[in-house]
């Protein structure tokens, strides 16, 4: 579920940035595909960082806390 919410937020934020930058540039037609592509790219990066940051729970520790 957290990955779905992350993707939705990435799409929303990139679409807002796209709108603001398009408005500052004098308007014109909005490109809706490029922000979605960037959102997918950022989502994949976040997913990889999340997978890499997980600890391996299969090893047995000799310490007890």
PDB file of N, CA and C in Angstrom:
ATOM      1  N   UNK A   1       0.820  -1.191   0.000  1.00  0.00           N
ATOM      2  CA  UNK A   1       0.000   0.000   0.000  1.00  0.00           C
ATOM      3  C   UNK A   1       0.867   1.259   0.000  1.00  0.00           C
ATOM      4  N   UNK A   2       1.991   1.211   0.735  1.00  0.00           N
ATOM      5  CA  UNK A   2       2.827   2.409   0.799  1.00  0.00           C
ATOM      6  C   UNK A   2       3.441   2.741  -0.557  1.00  0.00           C
ATOM      7  N   UNK A   3       3.643   1.739  -1.394  1.00  0.00           N
ATOM      8  CA  UNK A   3       4.193   1.998  -2.722  1.00  0.00           C
ATOM      9  C   UNK A   3       3.158   2.664  -3.623  1.00  0.00           C
ATOM     10  N   UNK A   4       1.909   2.289  -3.469  1.00  0.00           N
ATOM     11  CA  UNK A   4       0.845   2.916  -4.260  1.00  0.00           C
ATOM     12  C   UNK A   4       0.708   4.382  -3.878  1.00  0.00           C
ATOM     13  N   UNK A   5       0.703   4.669  -2.585  1.00  0.00           N
ATOM     14  CA  UNK A   5       0.597   6.057  -2.121  1.00  0.00           C
ATOM     15  C   UNK A   5       1.818   6.856  -2.562  1.00  0.00           C
ATOM     16  N   UNK A   6       3.004   6.260  -2.508  1.00  0.00           N
ATOM     17  CA  UNK A   6       4.216   6.938  -2.966  1.00  0.00           C
ATOM     18  C   UNK A   6       4.115   7.295  -4.437  1.00  0.00           C
ATOM     19  N   UNK A   7       3.610   6.378  -5.243  1.00  0.00           N
ATOM     20  CA  UNK A   7       3.460   6.648  -6.674  1.00  0.00           C
ATOM     21  C   UNK A   7       2.432   7.748  -6.918  1.00  0.00           C
ATOM     22  N   UNK A   8       1.320   7.720  -6.196  1.00  0.00           N
ATOM     23  CA  UNK A   8       0.293   8.761  -6.367  1.00  0.00           C
ATOM     24  C   UNK A   8       0.857  10.126  -6.004  1.00  0.00           C
ATOM     25  N   UNK A   9       1.582  10.214  -4.887  1.00  0.00           N
ATOM     26  CA  UNK A   9       2.184  11.488  -4.494  1.00  0.00           C
ATOM     27  C   UNK A   9       3.210  11.957  -5.520  1.00  0.00           C
ATOM     28  N   UNK A  10       4.004  11.045  -6.036  1.00  0.00           N
ATOM     29  CA  UNK A  10       5.000  11.425  -7.041  1.00  0.00           C
ATOM     30  C   UNK A  10       4.323  11.984  -8.283  1.00  0.00           C
ATOM     31  N   UNK A  11       3.253  11.344  -8.731  1.00  0.00           N
ATOM     32  CA  UNK A  11       2.531  11.842  -9.908  1.00  0.00           C
ATOM     33  C   UNK A  11       1.938  13.211  -9.625  1.00  0.00           C
ATOM     34  N   UNK A  12       1.282  13.374  -8.480  1.00  0.00           N
ATOM     35  CA  UNK A  12       0.667  14.665  -8.153  1.00  0.00           C
ATOM     36  C   UNK A  12       1.700  15.787  -8.069  1.00  0.00           C
ATOM     37  N   UNK A  13       2.807  15.521  -7.397  1.00  0.00           N
ATOM     38  CA  UNK A  13       3.821  16.564  -7.245  1.00  0.00           C
ATOM     39  C   UNK A  13       4.460  16.933  -8.581  1.00  0.00           C
ATOM     40  N   UNK A  14       4.755  15.955  -9.420  1.00  0.00           N
ATOM     41  CA  UNK A  14       5.345  16.268 -10.717  1.00  0.00           C
ATOM     42  C   UNK A  14       4.352  16.967 -11.640  1.00  0.00           C
ATOM     43  N   UNK A  15       3.070  16.633 -11.544  1.00  0.00           N
ATOM     44  CA  UNK A  15       2.069  17.340 -12.347  1.00  0.00           C
ATOM     45  C   UNK A  15       1.947  18.793 -11.891  1.00  0.00           C
ATOM     46  N   UNK A  16       2.028  19.048 -10.573  1.00  0.00           N
ATOM     47  CA  UNK A  16       1.976  20.429 -10.081  1.00  0.00           C
ATOM     48  C   UNK A  16       3.196  21.216 -10.543  1.00  0.00           C
ATOM     49  N   UNK A  17       4.370  20.617 -10.455  1.00  0.00           N
ATOM     50  CA  UNK A  17       5.585  21.290 -10.924  1.00  0.00           C
ATOM     51  C   UNK A  17       5.489  21.563 -12.415  1.00  0.00           C
ATOM     52  N   UNK A  18       4.972  20.619 -13.165  1.00  0.00           N
ATOM     53  CA  UNK A  18       4.789  20.794 -14.601  1.00  0.00           C
ATOM     54  C   UNK A  18       3.859  21.965 -14.888  1.00  0.00           C
ATOM     55  N   UNK A  19       2.757  22.072 -14.161  1.00  0.00           N
ATOM     56  CA  UNK A  19       1.810  23.162 -14.368  1.00  0.00           C
ATOM     57  C   UNK A  19       2.434  24.517 -14.053  1.00  0.00           C
ATOM     58  N   UNK A  20       3.133  24.601 -12.928  1.00  0.00           N
ATOM     59  CA  UNK A  20       3.743  25.876 -12.527  1.00  0.00           C
ATOM     60  C   UNK A  20       4.812  26.303 -13.526  1.00  0.00           C
ATOM     61  N   UNK A  21       5.683  25.382 -13.912  1.00  0.00           N
ATOM     62  CA  UNK A  21       6.734  25.738 -14.866  1.00  0.00           C
ATOM     63  C   UNK A  21       6.157  26.082 -16.230  1.00  0.00           C
ATOM     64  N   UNK A  22       5.099  25.413 -16.628  1.00  0.00           N
ATOM     65  CA  UNK A  22       4.439  25.736 -17.890  1.00  0.00           C
ATOM     66  C   UNK A  22       3.809  27.122 -17.819  1.00  0.00           C
ATOM     67  N   UNK A  23       3.204  27.462 -16.690  1.00  0.00           N
ATOM     68  CA  UNK A  23       2.598  28.781 -16.527  1.00  0.00           C
ATOM     69  C   UNK A  23       3.659  29.876 -16.518  1.00  0.00           C
ATOM     70  N   UNK A  24       4.788  29.620 -15.878  1.00  0.00           N
ATOM     71  CA  UNK A  24       5.863  30.611 -15.856  1.00  0.00           C
ATOM     72  C   UNK A  24       6.485  30.795 -17.232  1.00  0.00           C
ATOM     73  N   UNK A  25       6.407  29.764 -18.045  1.00  0.00           N
ATOM     74  CA  UNK A  25       6.971  29.825 -19.387  1.00  0.00           C
ATOM     75  C   UNK A  25       6.036  30.434 -20.414  1.00  0.00           C
ATOM     76  N   UNK A  26       4.912  30.952 -20.002  1.00  0.00           N
ATOM     77  CA  UNK A  26       4.011  31.622 -20.929  1.00  0.00           C
ATOM     78  C   UNK A  26       2.815  30.799 -21.348  1.00  0.00           C
ATOM     79  N   UNK A  27       2.603  29.684 -20.736  1.00  0.00           N
ATOM     80  CA  UNK A  27       1.431  28.875 -21.064  1.00  0.00           C
ATOM     81  C   UNK A  27       1.714  27.904 -22.182  1.00  0.00           C
ATOM     82  N   UNK A  28       0.684  27.574 -22.902  1.00  0.00           N
ATOM     83  CA  UNK A  28       0.809  26.587 -23.962  1.00  0.00           C
ATOM     84  C   UNK A  28       0.208  25.272 -23.521  1.00  0.00           C
ATOM     85  N   UNK A  29       0.259  24.287 -24.380  1.00  0.00           N
ATOM     86  CA  UNK A  29      -0.335  22.989 -24.022  1.00  0.00           C
ATOM     87  C   UNK A  29       0.485  22.273 -22.951  1.00  0.00           C
ATOM     88  N   UNK A  30      -0.228  21.639 -22.042  1.00  0.00           N
ATOM     89  CA  UNK A  30       0.433  20.885 -20.980  1.00  0.00           C
ATOM     90  C   UNK A  30       0.876  19.523 -21.495  1.00  0.00           C
ATOM     91  N   UNK A  31       2.060  19.140 -21.116  1.00  0.00           N
ATOM     92  CA  UNK A  31       2.567  17.809 -21.433  1.00  0.00           C
ATOM     93  C   UNK A  31       2.305  16.926 -20.215  1.00  0.00           C
ATOM     94  N   UNK A  32       1.353  16.013 -20.330  1.00  0.00           N
ATOM     95  CA  UNK A  32       0.987  15.167 -19.195  1.00  0.00           C
ATOM     96  C   UNK A  32       1.798  13.886 -19.112  1.00  0.00           C
ATOM     97  N   UNK A  33       2.523  13.553 -20.167  1.00  0.00           N
ATOM     98  CA  UNK A  33       3.260  12.287 -20.196  1.00  0.00           C
ATOM     99  C   UNK A  33       4.606  12.406 -19.488  1.00  0.00           C
ATOM    100  N   UNK A  34       5.312  13.493 -19.683  1.00  0.00           N
ATOM    101  CA  UNK A  34       6.647  13.656 -19.089  1.00  0.00           C
ATOM    102  C   UNK A  34       6.621  13.607 -17.561  1.00  0.00           C
ATOM    103  N   UNK A  35       5.689  14.299 -16.883  1.00  0.00           N
ATOM    104  CA  UNK A  35       5.669  14.186 -15.416  1.00  0.00           C
ATOM    105  C   UNK A  35       5.361  12.774 -14.923  1.00  0.00           C
ATOM    106  N   UNK A  36       4.530  12.039 -15.657  1.00  0.00           N
ATOM    107  CA  UNK A  36       4.240  10.665 -15.253  1.00  0.00           C
ATOM    108  C   UNK A  36       5.488   9.804 -15.419  1.00  0.00           C
ATOM    109  N   UNK A  37       6.241  10.036 -16.484  1.00  0.00           N
ATOM    110  CA  UNK A  37       7.498   9.313 -16.673  1.00  0.00           C
ATOM    111  C   UNK A  37       8.490   9.613 -15.569  1.00  0.00           C
ATOM    112  N   UNK A  38       8.594  10.884 -15.181  1.00  0.00           N
ATOM    113  CA  UNK A  38       9.478  11.250 -14.075  1.00  0.00           C
ATOM    114  C   UNK A  38       8.997  10.641 -12.764  1.00  0.00           C
ATOM    115  N   UNK A  39       7.681  10.598 -12.563  1.00  0.00           N
ATOM    116  CA  UNK A  39       7.136   9.997 -11.347  1.00  0.00           C
ATOM    117  C   UNK A  39       7.465   8.508 -11.285  1.00  0.00           C
ATOM    118  N   UNK A  40       7.385   7.826 -12.409  1.00  0.00           N
ATOM    119  CA  UNK A  40       7.750   6.403 -12.447  1.00  0.00           C
ATOM    120  C   UNK A  40       9.231   6.233 -12.123  1.00  0.00           C
ATOM    121  N   UNK A  41      10.068   7.098 -12.675  1.00  0.00           N
ATOM    122  CA  UNK A  41      11.506   7.039 -12.409  1.00  0.00           C
ATOM    123  C   UNK A  41      11.795   7.245 -10.920  1.00  0.00           C
ATOM    124  N   UNK A  42      11.184   8.269 -10.316  1.00  0.00           N
ATOM    125  CA  UNK A  42      11.397   8.546  -8.896  1.00  0.00           C
ATOM    126  C   UNK A  42      10.850   7.399  -8.048  1.00  0.00           C
ATOM    127  N   UNK A  43       9.710   6.843  -8.441  1.00  0.00           N
ATOM    128  CA  UNK A  43       9.131   5.713  -7.719  1.00  0.00           C
ATOM    129  C   UNK A  43      10.079   4.519  -7.719  1.00  0.00           C
ATOM    130  N   UNK A  44      10.692   4.243  -8.848  1.00  0.00           N
ATOM    131  CA  UNK A  44      11.632   3.119  -8.939  1.00  0.00           C
ATOM    132  C   UNK A  44      12.848   3.369  -8.056  1.00  0.00           C
ATOM    133  N   UNK A  45      13.355   4.602  -8.053  1.00  0.00           N
ATOM    134  CA  UNK A  45      14.497   4.945  -7.192  1.00  0.00           C
ATOM    135  C   UNK A  45      14.131   4.763  -5.722  1.00  0.00           C
ATOM    136  N   UNK A  46      12.951   5.247  -5.315  1.00  0.00           N
ATOM    137  CA  UNK A  46      12.514   5.098  -3.928  1.00  0.00           C
ATOM    138  C   UNK A  46      12.346   3.625  -3.577  1.00  0.00           C
ATOM    139  N   UNK A  47      11.805   2.842  -4.496  1.00  0.00           N
ATOM    140  CA  UNK A  47      11.625   1.407  -4.271  1.00  0.00           C
ATOM    141  C   UNK A  47      12.970   0.710  -4.073  1.00  0.00           C
ATOM    142  N   UNK A  48      13.946   1.051  -4.893  1.00  0.00           N
ATOM    143  CA  UNK A  48      15.279   0.442  -4.779  1.00  0.00           C
ATOM    144  C   UNK A  48      15.936   0.826  -3.461  1.00  0.00           C
ATOM    145  N   UNK A  49      15.815   2.091  -3.072  1.00  0.00           N
ATOM    146  CA  UNK A  49      16.392   2.533  -1.798  1.00  0.00           C
ATOM    147  C   UNK A  49      15.719   1.818  -0.634  1.00  0.00           C
ATOM    148  N   UNK A  50      14.405   1.619  -0.715  1.00  0.00           N
ATOM    149  CA  UNK A  50      13.689   0.919   0.349  1.00  0.00           C
ATOM    150  C   UNK A  50      14.135  -0.534   0.452  1.00  0.00           C
ATOM    151  N   UNK A  51      14.278  -1.199  -0.677  1.00  0.00           N
ATOM    152  CA  UNK A  51      14.723  -2.595  -0.672  1.00  0.00           C
ATOM    153  C   UNK A  51      16.156  -2.698  -0.148  1.00  0.00           C
ATOM    154  N   UNK A  52      17.023  -1.774  -0.551  1.00  0.00           N
ATOM    155  CA  UNK A  52      18.420  -1.809  -0.117  1.00  0.00           C
ATOM    156  C   UNK A  52      18.560  -1.489   1.368  1.00  0.00           C
ATOM    157  N   UNK A  53      17.641  -0.717   1.915  1.00  0.00           N
ATOM    158  CA  UNK A  53      17.731  -0.315   3.308  1.00  0.00           C
ATOM    159  C   UNK A  53      17.174  -1.316   4.290  1.00  0.00           C
ATOM    160  N   UNK A  54      16.500  -2.326   3.798  1.00  0.00           N
ATOM    161  CA  UNK A  54      15.936  -3.329   4.703  1.00  0.00           C
ATOM    162  C   UNK A  54      17.039  -4.209   5.266  1.00  0.00           C
ATOM    163  N   UNK A  55      16.875  -4.577   6.524  1.00  0.00           N
ATOM    164  CA  UNK A  55      17.863  -5.463   7.136  1.00  0.00           C
ATOM    165  C   UNK A  55      17.490  -6.905   6.841  1.00  0.00           C
ATOM    166  N   UNK A  56      18.492  -7.739   6.787  1.00  0.00           N
ATOM    167  CA  UNK A  56      18.285  -9.155   6.529  1.00  0.00           C
ATOM    168  C   UNK A  56      17.946  -9.831   7.852  1.00  0.00           C
ATOM    169  N   UNK A  57      16.731 -10.336   7.989  1.00  0.00           N
ATOM    170  CA  UNK A  57      16.287 -10.946   9.244  1.00  0.00           C
ATOM    171  C   UNK A  57      16.564 -12.443   9.302  1.00  0.00           C
ATOM    172  N   UNK A  58      17.230 -12.993   8.295  1.00  0.00           N
ATOM    173  CA  UNK A  58      17.483 -14.427   8.269  1.00  0.00           C
ATOM    174  C   UNK A  58      18.720 -14.833   9.059  1.00  0.00           C
ATOM    175  N   UNK A  59      19.593 -13.900   9.398  1.00  0.00           N
ATOM    176  CA  UNK A  59      20.798 -14.261  10.136  1.00  0.00           C
ATOM    177  C   UNK A  59      20.479 -14.358  11.628  1.00  0.00           C
ATOM    178  N   UNK A  60      21.237 -15.200  12.319  1.00  0.00           N
ATOM    179  CA  UNK A  60      21.027 -15.358  13.745  1.00  0.00           C
ATOM    180  C   UNK A  60      22.070 -14.544  14.484  1.00  0.00           C
ATOM    181  N   UNK A  61      21.598 -13.785  15.411  1.00  0.00           N
ATOM    182  CA  UNK A  61      22.481 -12.925  16.176  1.00  0.00           C
ATOM    183  C   UNK A  61      22.944 -13.644  17.439  1.00  0.00           C
ATOM    184  N   UNK A  62      24.188 -13.396  17.827  1.00  0.00           N
ATOM    185  CA  UNK A  62      24.709 -13.986  19.063  1.00  0.00           C
ATOM    186  C   UNK A  62      24.433 -13.077  20.254  1.00  0.00           C
ATOM    187  N   UNK A  63      24.005 -11.871  19.981  1.00  0.00           N
ATOM    188  CA  UNK A  63      23.710 -10.932  21.057  1.00  0.00           C
ATOM    189  C   UNK A  63      22.229 -10.990  21.392  1.00  0.00           C
ATOM    190  N   UNK A  64      21.920 -10.756  22.654  1.00  0.00           N
ATOM    191  CA  UNK A  64      20.515 -10.656  23.057  1.00  0.00           C
ATOM    192  C   UNK A  64      20.309  -9.312  23.738  1.00  0.00           C
ATOM    193  N   UNK A  65      19.196  -8.710  23.416  1.00  0.00           N
ATOM    194  CA  UNK A  65      18.902  -7.391  23.991  1.00  0.00           C
ATOM    195  C   UNK A  65      17.648  -7.469  24.813  1.00  0.00           C
TER     196      UNK A  65
END
